[in-house]
Amino acid sequence: MEINEQSLEALAAYLKQTLSPNTDERSSAEKTLKQIERNEKYSLLLLTLCDREQISMDIRKAAAIIFKNFIKLNWPSSETSSLITLNDRNQIKQHIIDLMTKSPEQIQKQLSDSISIIGQNDFPDQWPELLGVMCKQLHPPIDFHKVNGVLKTAHSLFKRYRYEAKSDELWTEIAHVLEKFAPSFTEFFKSLMAYIPQQETNATEIKIIFDSLFVITKIFYDLNAQELPDHFDDNKDVYLNNFLLLLAYDNPLLRSDANNTGVLEQVKTEICRIVALFADNYSDDFKPFTQQFASAIWSLLTKLDSSPGYDD
């Protein structure tokens, strides 16, 4: 299959039919897609449709979901037996991150999951440039939609460090992440903390900032779960002092309501998990901060009411 207007229009038509309330029409379209998925560039056609603004969002989202499921099923296969050729794999890895960062949230989520699936198989040996492309989004000028897509993708890649058994292979990978990702990550965290006072009365901006901080705290845990790396040991004052500030921070624009846990509470919950990790595993390094965090968490507990947020 060639990536041209005719192929894209045909594929979009089949995807539209998969959304039909008519069972026969939907079933027929699904069978057709199963037949054409064996063609080279099928996955690239799906990816291209995700980026077509003139196509309805329902069809673009369907393309993203089918792409993700196709990747999940076929990417781990050997290149000789897979439906995804080596050329298609390289093309996907070359374009998917930029596409993910600029896509609407509904599509971004599916593409982020796809990157995670590919990363689990190819990163870092067969995708060494992944972190470099992601880190570009952490430098000014900041586009928070792009940044949050990158941060969520990074967490999905790194979260397995929390539970995988220690090994030389795993630590080699973590060392690669620390070298390529951690410096930009730390600088972005510092700039984000400095940004809070400027935006704390802007409901939209302060929510986006704390959405980023929520994922940052998760990534921080990911990268410190196995042992305390030199980078974070050297920068522990930066992180821990700012975590203390966040535990004490309050803003009515970020609080929970009757039905949902607010993002501020979510950030504080993650910080409490980090405190437990450091107190249990890195007690000597954490000792200078022990009393401050004990006081901060005690103060937090005394302010709790019936709202959800800290007990998950």
C-alpha atoms as a PDB file:
ATOM      1  CA  MET A   1       0.000   0.000   0.000  1.00  0.00           C
ATOM      2  CA  GLU A   2       1.187   3.485  -0.816  1.00  0.00           C
ATOM      3  CA  ILE A   3       0.631   6.480   1.406  1.00  0.00           C
ATOM      4  CA  ASN A   4      -1.475   8.619  -0.906  1.00  0.00           C
ATOM      5  CA  GLU A   5      -4.853  10.320  -0.831  1.00  0.00           C
ATOM      6  CA  GLN A   6      -6.639   7.358  -2.376  1.00  0.00           C
ATOM      7  CA  SER A   7      -5.332   4.927   0.240  1.00  0.00           C
ATOM      8  CA  LEU A   8      -6.022   7.339   3.083  1.00  0.00           C
ATOM      9  CA  GLU A   9      -9.595   7.972   1.928  1.00  0.00           C
ATOM     10  CA  ALA A  10     -10.261   4.253   1.579  1.00  0.00           C
ATOM     11  CA  LEU A  11      -8.849   3.481   5.019  1.00  0.00           C
ATOM     12  CA  ALA A  12     -10.809   6.346   6.581  1.00  0.00           C
ATOM     13  CA  ALA A  13     -13.995   4.960   5.011  1.00  0.00           C
ATOM     14  CA  TYR A  14     -13.379   1.512   6.519  1.00  0.00           C
ATOM     15  CA  LEU A  15     -12.647   3.044   9.911  1.00  0.00           C
ATOM     16  CA  LYS A  16     -15.888   5.018   9.720  1.00  0.00           C
ATOM     17  CA  GLN A  17     -17.765   1.797   9.017  1.00  0.00           C
ATOM     18  CA  THR A  18     -16.227   0.150  12.112  1.00  0.00           C
ATOM     19  CA  LEU A  19     -18.080   2.804  14.124  1.00  0.00           C
ATOM     20  CA  SER A  20     -21.419   2.041  12.461  1.00  0.00           C
ATOM     21  CA  PRO A  21     -24.371   0.954  14.633  1.00  0.00           C
ATOM     22  CA  ASN A  22     -25.162  -1.541  11.873  1.00  0.00           C
ATOM     23  CA  THR A  23     -23.636  -4.849  12.952  1.00  0.00           C
ATOM     24  CA  ASP A  24     -23.217  -6.220   9.439  1.00  0.00           C
ATOM     25  CA  GLU A  25     -21.527  -3.074   8.164  1.00  0.00           C
ATOM     26  CA  ARG A  26     -19.246  -2.944  11.186  1.00  0.00           C
ATOM     27  CA  SER A  27     -18.320  -6.620  10.894  1.00  0.00           C
ATOM     28  CA  SER A  28     -17.590  -6.306   7.176  1.00  0.00           C
ATOM     29  CA  ALA A  29     -15.287  -3.326   7.753  1.00  0.00           C
ATOM     30  CA  GLU A  30     -13.415  -5.134  10.526  1.00  0.00           C
ATOM     31  CA  LYS A  31     -12.835  -8.132   8.246  1.00  0.00           C
ATOM     32  CA  THR A  32     -11.545  -5.855   5.499  1.00  0.00           C
ATOM     33  CA  LEU A  33      -9.103  -4.209   7.906  1.00  0.00           C
ATOM     34  CA  LYS A  34      -7.818  -7.644   8.940  1.00  0.00           C
ATOM     35  CA  GLN A  35      -7.119  -8.391   5.297  1.00  0.00           C
ATOM     36  CA  ILE A  36      -5.334  -5.152   4.466  1.00  0.00           C
ATOM     37  CA  GLU A  37      -3.256  -5.047   7.653  1.00  0.00           C
ATOM     38  CA  ARG A  38      -0.880  -7.510   6.004  1.00  0.00           C
ATOM     39  CA  ASN A  39       0.191  -4.821   3.542  1.00  0.00           C
ATOM     40  CA  GLU A  40       3.380  -2.878   4.063  1.00  0.00           C
ATOM     41  CA  LYS A  41       2.799   0.687   5.313  1.00  0.00           C
ATOM     42  CA  TYR A  42      -0.585  -0.199   6.854  1.00  0.00           C
ATOM     43  CA  SER A  43       0.603   1.023  10.254  1.00  0.00           C
ATOM     44  CA  LEU A  44       2.023   4.199   8.688  1.00  0.00           C
ATOM     45  CA  LEU A  45      -1.307   4.891   6.997  1.00  0.00           C
ATOM     46  CA  LEU A  46      -3.058   4.652  10.360  1.00  0.00           C
ATOM     47  CA  LEU A  47      -0.497   7.000  11.877  1.00  0.00           C
ATOM     48  CA  THR A  48      -0.945   9.465   9.018  1.00  0.00           C
ATOM     49  CA  LEU A  49      -4.723   9.483   9.533  1.00  0.00           C
ATOM     50  CA  CYS A  50      -4.198  10.413  13.183  1.00  0.00           C
ATOM     51  CA  ASP A  51      -2.613  13.644  11.974  1.00  0.00           C
ATOM     52  CA  ARG A  52      -5.299  14.621   9.443  1.00  0.00           C
ATOM     53  CA  GLU A  53      -7.184  17.562  10.941  1.00  0.00           C
ATOM     54  CA  GLN A  54      -9.731  17.552   8.123  1.00  0.00           C
ATOM     55  CA  ILE A  55     -10.889  14.062   9.152  1.00  0.00           C
ATOM     56  CA  SER A  56     -13.453  13.718  11.931  1.00  0.00           C
ATOM     57  CA  MET A  57     -12.105  13.188  15.439  1.00  0.00           C
ATOM     58  CA  ASP A  58     -14.007   9.894  15.778  1.00  0.00           C
ATOM     59  CA  ILE A  59     -12.164   8.440  12.789  1.00  0.00           C
ATOM     60  CA  ARG A  60      -8.796   9.820  13.926  1.00  0.00           C
ATOM     61  CA  LYS A  61      -9.321   8.347  17.374  1.00  0.00           C
ATOM     62  CA  ALA A  62     -10.326   5.009  15.835  1.00  0.00           C
ATOM     63  CA  ALA A  63      -7.125   5.085  13.761  1.00  0.00           C
ATOM     64  CA  ALA A  64      -5.071   5.747  16.898  1.00  0.00           C
ATOM     65  CA  ILE A  65      -6.708   2.903  18.841  1.00  0.00           C
ATOM     66  CA  ILE A  66      -6.342   0.413  15.987  1.00  0.00           C
ATOM     67  CA  PHE A  67      -2.725   1.535  15.508  1.00  0.00           C
ATOM     68  CA  LYS A  68      -1.999   0.941  19.202  1.00  0.00           C
ATOM     69  CA  ASN A  69      -3.587  -2.509  19.174  1.00  0.00           C
ATOM     70  CA  PHE A  70      -1.773  -3.409  15.951  1.00  0.00           C
ATOM     71  CA  ILE A  71       1.546  -2.324  17.477  1.00  0.00           C
ATOM     72  CA  LYS A  72       0.832  -4.231  20.681  1.00  0.00           C
ATOM     73  CA  LEU A  73       0.125  -7.428  18.775  1.00  0.00           C
ATOM     74  CA  ASN A  74       2.832  -7.234  16.133  1.00  0.00           C
ATOM     75  CA  TRP A  75       5.764  -5.129  17.314  1.00  0.00           C
ATOM     76  CA  PRO A  76       7.235  -7.760  19.657  1.00  0.00           C
ATOM     77  CA  SER A  77       7.349 -10.290  16.796  1.00  0.00           C
ATOM     78  CA  SER A  78      10.639 -10.917  15.057  1.00  0.00           C
ATOM     79  CA  GLU A  79      11.206  -8.670  12.068  1.00  0.00           C
ATOM     80  CA  THR A  80      11.123 -11.639   9.704  1.00  0.00           C
ATOM     81  CA  SER A  81       7.692 -12.848  10.842  1.00  0.00           C
ATOM     82  CA  SER A  82       6.089  -9.546  11.831  1.00  0.00           C
ATOM     83  CA  LEU A  83       3.484  -7.656   9.819  1.00  0.00           C
ATOM     84  CA  ILE A  84       5.551  -4.527  10.505  1.00  0.00           C
ATOM     85  CA  THR A  85       8.602  -4.328   8.256  1.00  0.00           C
ATOM     86  CA  LEU A  86      11.920  -2.899   9.393  1.00  0.00           C
ATOM     87  CA  ASN A  87      11.376   0.143   7.194  1.00  0.00           C
ATOM     88  CA  ASP A  88       7.935   0.754   8.710  1.00  0.00           C
ATOM     89  CA  ARG A  89       9.386   0.377  12.213  1.00  0.00           C
ATOM     90  CA  ASN A  90      12.046   2.976  11.521  1.00  0.00           C
ATOM     91  CA  GLN A  91       9.525   5.370   9.987  1.00  0.00           C
ATOM     92  CA  ILE A  92       7.195   4.999  12.963  1.00  0.00           C
ATOM     93  CA  LYS A  93       9.973   5.658  15.476  1.00  0.00           C
ATOM     94  CA  GLN A  94      11.113   8.666  13.488  1.00  0.00           C
ATOM     95  CA  HIS A  95       7.721  10.411  13.530  1.00  0.00           C
ATOM     96  CA  ILE A  96       5.574   9.144  16.396  1.00  0.00           C
ATOM     97  CA  ILE A  97       6.944  11.317  19.210  1.00  0.00           C
ATOM     98  CA  ASP A  98       6.435  14.609  17.385  1.00  0.00           C
ATOM     99  CA  LEU A  99       2.987  13.442  16.317  1.00  0.00           C
ATOM    100  CA  MET A 100       2.100  12.420  19.865  1.00  0.00           C
ATOM    101  CA  THR A 101       3.125  15.761  21.358  1.00  0.00           C
ATOM    102  CA  LYS A 102       1.031  17.834  18.946  1.00  0.00           C
ATOM    103  CA  SER A 103      -2.056  15.590  18.863  1.00  0.00           C
ATOM    104  CA  PRO A 104      -5.312  16.283  20.724  1.00  0.00           C
ATOM    105  CA  GLU A 105      -5.495  14.614  24.119  1.00  0.00           C
ATOM    106  CA  GLN A 106      -7.741  11.733  22.954  1.00  0.00           C
ATOM    107  CA  ILE A 107      -5.187  10.756  20.325  1.00  0.00           C
ATOM    108  CA  GLN A 108      -2.156  11.675  22.406  1.00  0.00           C
ATOM    109  CA  LYS A 109      -3.088   9.066  25.012  1.00  0.00           C
ATOM    110  CA  GLN A 110      -3.235   6.270  22.428  1.00  0.00           C
ATOM    111  CA  LEU A 111       0.049   7.294  20.784  1.00  0.00           C
ATOM    112  CA  SER A 112       1.749   7.611  24.169  1.00  0.00           C
ATOM    113  CA  ASP A 113       0.694   4.044  24.949  1.00  0.00           C
ATOM    114  CA  SER A 114       2.038   2.973  21.551  1.00  0.00           C
ATOM    115  CA  ILE A 115       5.407   4.599  22.265  1.00  0.00           C
ATOM    116  CA  SER A 116       5.529   2.725  25.561  1.00  0.00           C
ATOM    117  CA  ILE A 117       4.876  -0.581  23.800  1.00  0.00           C
ATOM    118  CA  ILE A 118       7.602   0.119  21.258  1.00  0.00           C
ATOM    119  CA  GLY A 119       9.941   1.301  24.003  1.00  0.00           C
ATOM    120  CA  GLN A 120       9.473  -1.868  26.018  1.00  0.00           C
ATOM    121  CA  ASN A 121      10.842  -3.794  23.048  1.00  0.00           C
ATOM    122  CA  ASP A 122      13.330  -1.406  21.427  1.00  0.00           C
ATOM    123  CA  PHE A 123      14.548   1.004  24.104  1.00  0.00           C
ATOM    124  CA  PRO A 124      17.381   1.797  24.538  1.00  0.00           C
ATOM    125  CA  ASP A 125      19.421  -0.373  22.151  1.00  0.00           C
ATOM    126  CA  GLN A 126      17.220  -0.051  19.066  1.00  0.00           C
ATOM    127  CA  TRP A 127      15.838   3.391  19.867  1.00  0.00           C
ATOM    128  CA  PRO A 128      18.754   5.369  21.360  1.00  0.00           C
ATOM    129  CA  GLU A 129      17.445   8.713  20.110  1.00  0.00           C
ATOM    130  CA  LEU A 130      14.122   8.407  21.985  1.00  0.00           C
ATOM    131  CA  LEU A 131      15.104  10.388  25.075  1.00  0.00           C
ATOM    132  CA  GLY A 132      16.827  13.118  23.084  1.00  0.00           C
ATOM    133  CA  VAL A 133      13.659  13.799  21.119  1.00  0.00           C
ATOM    134  CA  MET A 134      11.579  13.796  24.300  1.00  0.00           C
ATOM    135  CA  CYS A 135      13.951  16.107  26.177  1.00  0.00           C
ATOM    136  CA  LYS A 136      13.621  18.791  23.514  1.00  0.00           C
ATOM    137  CA  GLN A 137      10.081  19.402  24.766  1.00  0.00           C
ATOM    138  CA  LEU A 138      11.348  20.132  28.295  1.00  0.00           C
ATOM    139  CA  HIS A 139      13.301  23.190  27.174  1.00  0.00           C
ATOM    140  CA  PRO A 140      11.875  26.676  26.554  1.00  0.00           C
ATOM    141  CA  PRO A 141       9.622  27.732  25.029  1.00  0.00           C
ATOM    142  CA  ILE A 142       7.360  25.405  26.989  1.00  0.00           C
ATOM    143  CA  ASP A 143       4.169  24.032  25.492  1.00  0.00           C
ATOM    144  CA  PHE A 144       2.461  22.260  28.386  1.00  0.00           C
ATOM    145  CA  HIS A 145       0.298  20.099  26.148  1.00  0.00           C
ATOM    146  CA  LYS A 146       3.440  18.697  24.547  1.00  0.00           C
ATOM    147  CA  VAL A 147       5.323  18.519  27.847  1.00  0.00           C
ATOM    148  CA  ASN A 148       2.616  16.575  29.630  1.00  0.00           C
ATOM    149  CA  GLY A 149       2.460  14.106  26.756  1.00  0.00           C
ATOM    150  CA  VAL A 150       6.222  13.580  27.040  1.00  0.00           C
ATOM    151  CA  LEU A 151       6.125  13.252  30.837  1.00  0.00           C
ATOM    152  CA  LYS A 152       3.314  10.692  30.762  1.00  0.00           C
ATOM    153  CA  THR A 153       5.184   8.714  28.118  1.00  0.00           C
ATOM    154  CA  ALA A 154       8.383   8.856  30.173  1.00  0.00           C
ATOM    155  CA  HIS A 155       6.563   7.550  33.245  1.00  0.00           C
ATOM    156  CA  SER A 156       5.033   4.710  31.253  1.00  0.00           C
ATOM    157  CA  LEU A 157       8.554   3.736  30.117  1.00  0.00           C
ATOM    158  CA  PHE A 158      10.232   4.107  33.510  1.00  0.00           C
ATOM    159  CA  LYS A 159       7.611   2.776  35.938  1.00  0.00           C
ATOM    160  CA  ARG A 160       8.850  -0.799  35.610  1.00  0.00           C
ATOM    161  CA  TYR A 161      12.029   0.291  37.416  1.00  0.00           C
ATOM    162  CA  ARG A 162       9.921   0.272  40.572  1.00  0.00           C
ATOM    163  CA  TYR A 163       9.475  -3.474  40.644  1.00  0.00           C
ATOM    164  CA  GLU A 164      11.958  -5.188  38.304  1.00  0.00           C
ATOM    165  CA  ALA A 165      14.659  -7.278  39.942  1.00  0.00           C
ATOM    166  CA  LYS A 166      18.076  -5.661  40.115  1.00  0.00           C
ATOM    167  CA  SER A 167      20.403  -6.674  37.291  1.00  0.00           C
ATOM    168  CA  ASP A 168      23.361  -5.289  35.387  1.00  0.00           C
ATOM    169  CA  GLU A 169      21.196  -4.991  32.279  1.00  0.00           C
ATOM    170  CA  LEU A 170      18.527  -3.005  34.107  1.00  0.00           C
ATOM    171  CA  TRP A 171      21.031  -0.678  35.728  1.00  0.00           C
ATOM    172  CA  THR A 172      22.747  -0.089  32.377  1.00  0.00           C
ATOM    173  CA  GLU A 173      19.402   1.068  31.015  1.00  0.00           C
ATOM    174  CA  ILE A 174      18.712   3.280  34.036  1.00  0.00           C
ATOM    175  CA  ALA A 175      22.200   4.786  33.725  1.00  0.00           C
ATOM    176  CA  HIS A 176      21.409   5.638  30.100  1.00  0.00           C
ATOM    177  CA  VAL A 177      18.164   7.317  31.181  1.00  0.00           C
ATOM    178  CA  LEU A 178      19.945   9.278  33.891  1.00  0.00           C
ATOM    179  CA  GLU A 179      22.575  10.517  31.470  1.00  0.00           C
ATOM    180  CA  LYS A 180      20.182  11.509  28.685  1.00  0.00           C
ATOM    181  CA  PHE A 181      17.025  12.502  30.556  1.00  0.00           C
ATOM    182  CA  ALA A 182      17.715  13.443  34.186  1.00  0.00           C
ATOM    183  CA  PRO A 183      19.522  16.805  33.656  1.00  0.00           C
ATOM    184  CA  SER A 184      16.735  18.215  31.466  1.00  0.00           C
ATOM    185  CA  PHE A 185      14.147  16.743  33.831  1.00  0.00           C
ATOM    186  CA  THR A 186      15.686  18.495  36.846  1.00  0.00           C
ATOM    187  CA  GLU A 187      15.999  21.843  35.068  1.00  0.00           C
ATOM    188  CA  PHE A 188      12.378  21.611  33.979  1.00  0.00           C
ATOM    189  CA  PHE A 189      11.284  20.845  37.550  1.00  0.00           C
ATOM    190  CA  LYS A 190      13.146  23.912  38.840  1.00  0.00           C
ATOM    191  CA  SER A 191      11.622  26.167  36.195  1.00  0.00           C
ATOM    192  CA  LEU A 192       8.168  24.791  36.923  1.00  0.00           C
ATOM    193  CA  MET A 193       8.469  25.530  40.639  1.00  0.00           C
ATOM    194  CA  ALA A 194       9.548  29.093  39.832  1.00  0.00           C
ATOM    195  CA  TYR A 195       6.507  29.428  37.577  1.00  0.00           C
ATOM    196  CA  ILE A 196       3.956  28.666  40.314  1.00  0.00           C
ATOM    197  CA  PRO A 197       3.899  32.137  42.001  1.00  0.00           C
ATOM    198  CA  GLN A 198       3.380  33.796  38.625  1.00  0.00           C
ATOM    199  CA  GLN A 199       0.313  31.712  37.765  1.00  0.00           C
ATOM    200  CA  GLU A 200      -1.353  30.777  41.051  1.00  0.00           C
ATOM    201  CA  THR A 201      -4.398  32.976  40.400  1.00  0.00           C
ATOM    202  CA  ASN A 202      -4.826  31.661  36.855  1.00  0.00           C
ATOM    203  CA  ALA A 203      -7.079  28.611  37.184  1.00  0.00           C
ATOM    204  CA  THR A 204      -6.154  27.093  33.826  1.00  0.00           C
ATOM    205  CA  GLU A 205      -2.392  27.599  34.060  1.00  0.00           C
ATOM    206  CA  ILE A 206      -1.981  26.517  37.682  1.00  0.00           C
ATOM    207  CA  LYS A 207      -3.928  23.318  36.979  1.00  0.00           C
ATOM    208  CA  ILE A 208      -1.671  22.518  34.011  1.00  0.00           C
ATOM    209  CA  ILE A 209       1.439  23.190  36.118  1.00  0.00           C
ATOM    210  CA  PHE A 210       0.275  20.783  38.806  1.00  0.00           C
ATOM    211  CA  ASP A 211      -0.704  18.191  36.223  1.00  0.00           C
ATOM    212  CA  SER A 212       2.961  18.293  35.193  1.00  0.00           C
ATOM    213  CA  LEU A 213       4.150  18.158  38.801  1.00  0.00           C
ATOM    214  CA  PHE A 214       1.979  15.115  39.446  1.00  0.00           C
ATOM    215  CA  VAL A 215       3.719  13.155  36.696  1.00  0.00           C
ATOM    216  CA  ILE A 216       7.117  14.569  37.706  1.00  0.00           C
ATOM    217  CA  THR A 217       6.729  13.114  41.198  1.00  0.00           C
ATOM    218  CA  LYS A 218       5.896   9.739  39.668  1.00  0.00           C
ATOM    219  CA  ILE A 219       8.975   9.849  37.420  1.00  0.00           C
ATOM    220  CA  PHE A 220      11.141  10.906  40.358  1.00  0.00           C
ATOM    221  CA  TYR A 221       9.994   7.798  42.211  1.00  0.00           C
ATOM    222  CA  ASP A 222      10.605   5.629  39.127  1.00  0.00           C
ATOM    223  CA  LEU A 223      14.198   6.798  38.767  1.00  0.00           C
ATOM    224  CA  ASN A 224      15.032   6.458  42.467  1.00  0.00           C
ATOM    225  CA  ALA A 225      13.296   3.156  43.187  1.00  0.00           C
ATOM    226  CA  GLN A 226      16.286   0.862  42.557  1.00  0.00           C
ATOM    227  CA  GLU A 227      18.925   2.968  44.303  1.00  0.00           C
ATOM    228  CA  LEU A 228      19.778   6.628  44.799  1.00  0.00           C
ATOM    229  CA  PRO A 229      21.577   7.745  41.617  1.00  0.00           C
ATOM    230  CA  ASP A 230      24.403  10.278  41.783  1.00  0.00           C
ATOM    231  CA  HIS A 231      22.365  12.832  39.844  1.00  0.00           C
ATOM    232  CA  PHE A 232      19.524  12.834  42.355  1.00  0.00           C
ATOM    233  CA  ASP A 233      21.902  12.607  45.306  1.00  0.00           C
ATOM    234  CA  ASP A 234      23.637  15.731  43.999  1.00  0.00           C
ATOM    235  CA  ASN A 235      20.271  17.443  43.508  1.00  0.00           C
ATOM    236  CA  LYS A 236      18.404  16.104  46.520  1.00  0.00           C
ATOM    237  CA  ASP A 237      18.296  19.540  48.152  1.00  0.00           C
ATOM    238  CA  VAL A 238      16.557  20.922  45.061  1.00  0.00           C
ATOM    239  CA  TYR A 239      13.940  18.196  45.055  1.00  0.00           C
ATOM    240  CA  LEU A 240      13.368  17.687  48.760  1.00  0.00           C
ATOM    241  CA  ASN A 241      13.166  21.383  49.630  1.00  0.00           C
ATOM    242  CA  ASN A 242      10.663  21.921  46.840  1.00  0.00           C
ATOM    243  CA  PHE A 243       8.704  18.853  47.932  1.00  0.00           C
ATOM    244  CA  LEU A 244       8.444  20.467  51.367  1.00  0.00           C
ATOM    245  CA  LEU A 245       7.065  23.606  49.743  1.00  0.00           C
ATOM    246  CA  LEU A 246       4.521  21.566  47.806  1.00  0.00           C
ATOM    247  CA  LEU A 247       3.358  19.711  50.917  1.00  0.00           C
ATOM    248  CA  ALA A 248       2.632  23.074  52.558  1.00  0.00           C
ATOM    249  CA  TYR A 249       1.136  24.666  49.456  1.00  0.00           C
ATOM    250  CA  ASP A 250      -2.565  25.420  49.269  1.00  0.00           C
ATOM    251  CA  ASN A 251      -4.667  26.889  46.507  1.00  0.00           C
ATOM    252  CA  PRO A 252      -8.479  26.796  46.364  1.00  0.00           C
ATOM    253  CA  LEU A 253      -8.275  26.422  42.582  1.00  0.00           C
ATOM    254  CA  LEU A 254      -6.647  23.006  43.000  1.00  0.00           C
ATOM    255  CA  ARG A 255      -8.649  21.470  45.821  1.00  0.00           C
ATOM    256  CA  SER A 256     -10.792  18.361  45.622  1.00  0.00           C
ATOM    257  CA  ASP A 257     -14.514  18.584  45.143  1.00  0.00           C
ATOM    258  CA  ALA A 258     -17.227  16.190  46.246  1.00  0.00           C
ATOM    259  CA  ASN A 259     -16.631  13.822  43.332  1.00  0.00           C
ATOM    260  CA  ASN A 260     -12.968  14.127  42.397  1.00  0.00           C
ATOM    261  CA  THR A 261      -9.593  14.189  44.073  1.00  0.00           C
ATOM    262  CA  GLY A 262      -7.867  17.461  43.254  1.00  0.00           C
ATOM    263  CA  VAL A 263      -4.484  17.449  41.538  1.00  0.00           C
ATOM    264  CA  LEU A 264      -2.891  19.195  44.529  1.00  0.00           C
ATOM    265  CA  GLU A 265      -3.894  16.285  46.751  1.00  0.00           C
ATOM    266  CA  GLN A 266      -2.569  13.860  44.135  1.00  0.00           C
ATOM    267  CA  VAL A 267       0.811  15.621  44.103  1.00  0.00           C
ATOM    268  CA  LYS A 268       0.997  15.544  47.897  1.00  0.00           C
ATOM    269  CA  THR A 269       0.120  11.851  47.936  1.00  0.00           C
ATOM    270  CA  GLU A 270       2.983  11.074  45.550  1.00  0.00           C
ATOM    271  CA  ILE A 271       5.387  13.141  47.642  1.00  0.00           C
ATOM    272  CA  CYS A 272       4.401  11.132  50.714  1.00  0.00           C
ATOM    273  CA  ARG A 273       5.280   7.968  48.777  1.00  0.00           C
ATOM    274  CA  ILE A 274       8.661   9.461  47.898  1.00  0.00           C
ATOM    275  CA  VAL A 275       9.259  10.352  51.547  1.00  0.00           C
ATOM    276  CA  ALA A 276       8.514   6.757  52.552  1.00  0.00           C
ATOM    277  CA  LEU A 277      10.930   5.471  49.882  1.00  0.00           C
ATOM    278  CA  PHE A 278      13.753   7.747  51.039  1.00  0.00           C
ATOM    279  CA  ALA A 279      13.132   7.127  54.732  1.00  0.00           C
ATOM    280  CA  ASP A 280      13.181   3.354  54.216  1.00  0.00           C
ATOM    281  CA  ASN A 281      15.931   2.982  51.608  1.00  0.00           C
ATOM    282  CA  TYR A 282      18.155   6.050  51.847  1.00  0.00           C
ATOM    283  CA  SER A 283      17.898   6.968  55.515  1.00  0.00           C
ATOM    284  CA  ASP A 284      21.425   8.394  55.812  1.00  0.00           C
ATOM    285  CA  ASP A 285      20.900  10.743  52.870  1.00  0.00           C
ATOM    286  CA  PHE A 286      17.416  11.625  54.062  1.00  0.00           C
ATOM    287  CA  LYS A 287      18.349  12.182  57.723  1.00  0.00           C
ATOM    288  CA  PRO A 288      18.832  15.989  57.463  1.00  0.00           C
ATOM    289  CA  PHE A 289      15.271  16.275  56.156  1.00  0.00           C
ATOM    290  CA  THR A 290      13.558  13.794  58.462  1.00  0.00           C
ATOM    291  CA  GLN A 291      12.242  16.263  61.031  1.00  0.00           C
ATOM    292  CA  GLN A 292      11.048  18.754  58.425  1.00  0.00           C
ATOM    293  CA  PHE A 293       9.078  16.131  56.537  1.00  0.00           C
ATOM    294  CA  ALA A 294       7.691  14.642  59.744  1.00  0.00           C
ATOM    295  CA  SER A 295       6.371  18.069  60.717  1.00  0.00           C
ATOM    296  CA  ALA A 296       5.042  18.781  57.229  1.00  0.00           C
ATOM    297  CA  ILE A 297       3.201  15.475  56.990  1.00  0.00           C
ATOM    298  CA  TRP A 298       1.822  15.795  60.516  1.00  0.00           C
ATOM    299  CA  SER A 299       0.519  19.261  59.648  1.00  0.00           C
ATOM    300  CA  LEU A 300      -1.017  17.808  56.512  1.00  0.00           C
ATOM    301  CA  LEU A 301      -2.753  15.041  58.432  1.00  0.00           C
ATOM    302  CA  THR A 302      -4.258  17.456  60.934  1.00  0.00           C
ATOM    303  CA  LYS A 303      -5.903  19.371  58.092  1.00  0.00           C
ATOM    304  CA  LEU A 304      -7.540  16.362  56.500  1.00  0.00           C
ATOM    305  CA  ASP A 305     -11.294  16.281  56.364  1.00  0.00           C
ATOM    306  CA  SER A 306     -13.589  13.786  54.687  1.00  0.00           C
ATOM    307  CA  SER A 307     -12.269  14.671  51.215  1.00  0.00           C
ATOM    308  CA  PRO A 308     -10.526  11.908  49.243  1.00  0.00           C
ATOM    309  CA  GLY A 309      -6.924  12.258  48.264  1.00  0.00           C
ATOM    310  CA  TYR A 310      -4.351  11.037  50.726  1.00  0.00           C
ATOM    311  CA  ASP A 311      -5.394   7.516  51.506  1.00  0.00           C
ATOM    312  CA  ASP A 312      -5.087   5.727  48.160  1.00  0.00           C
END
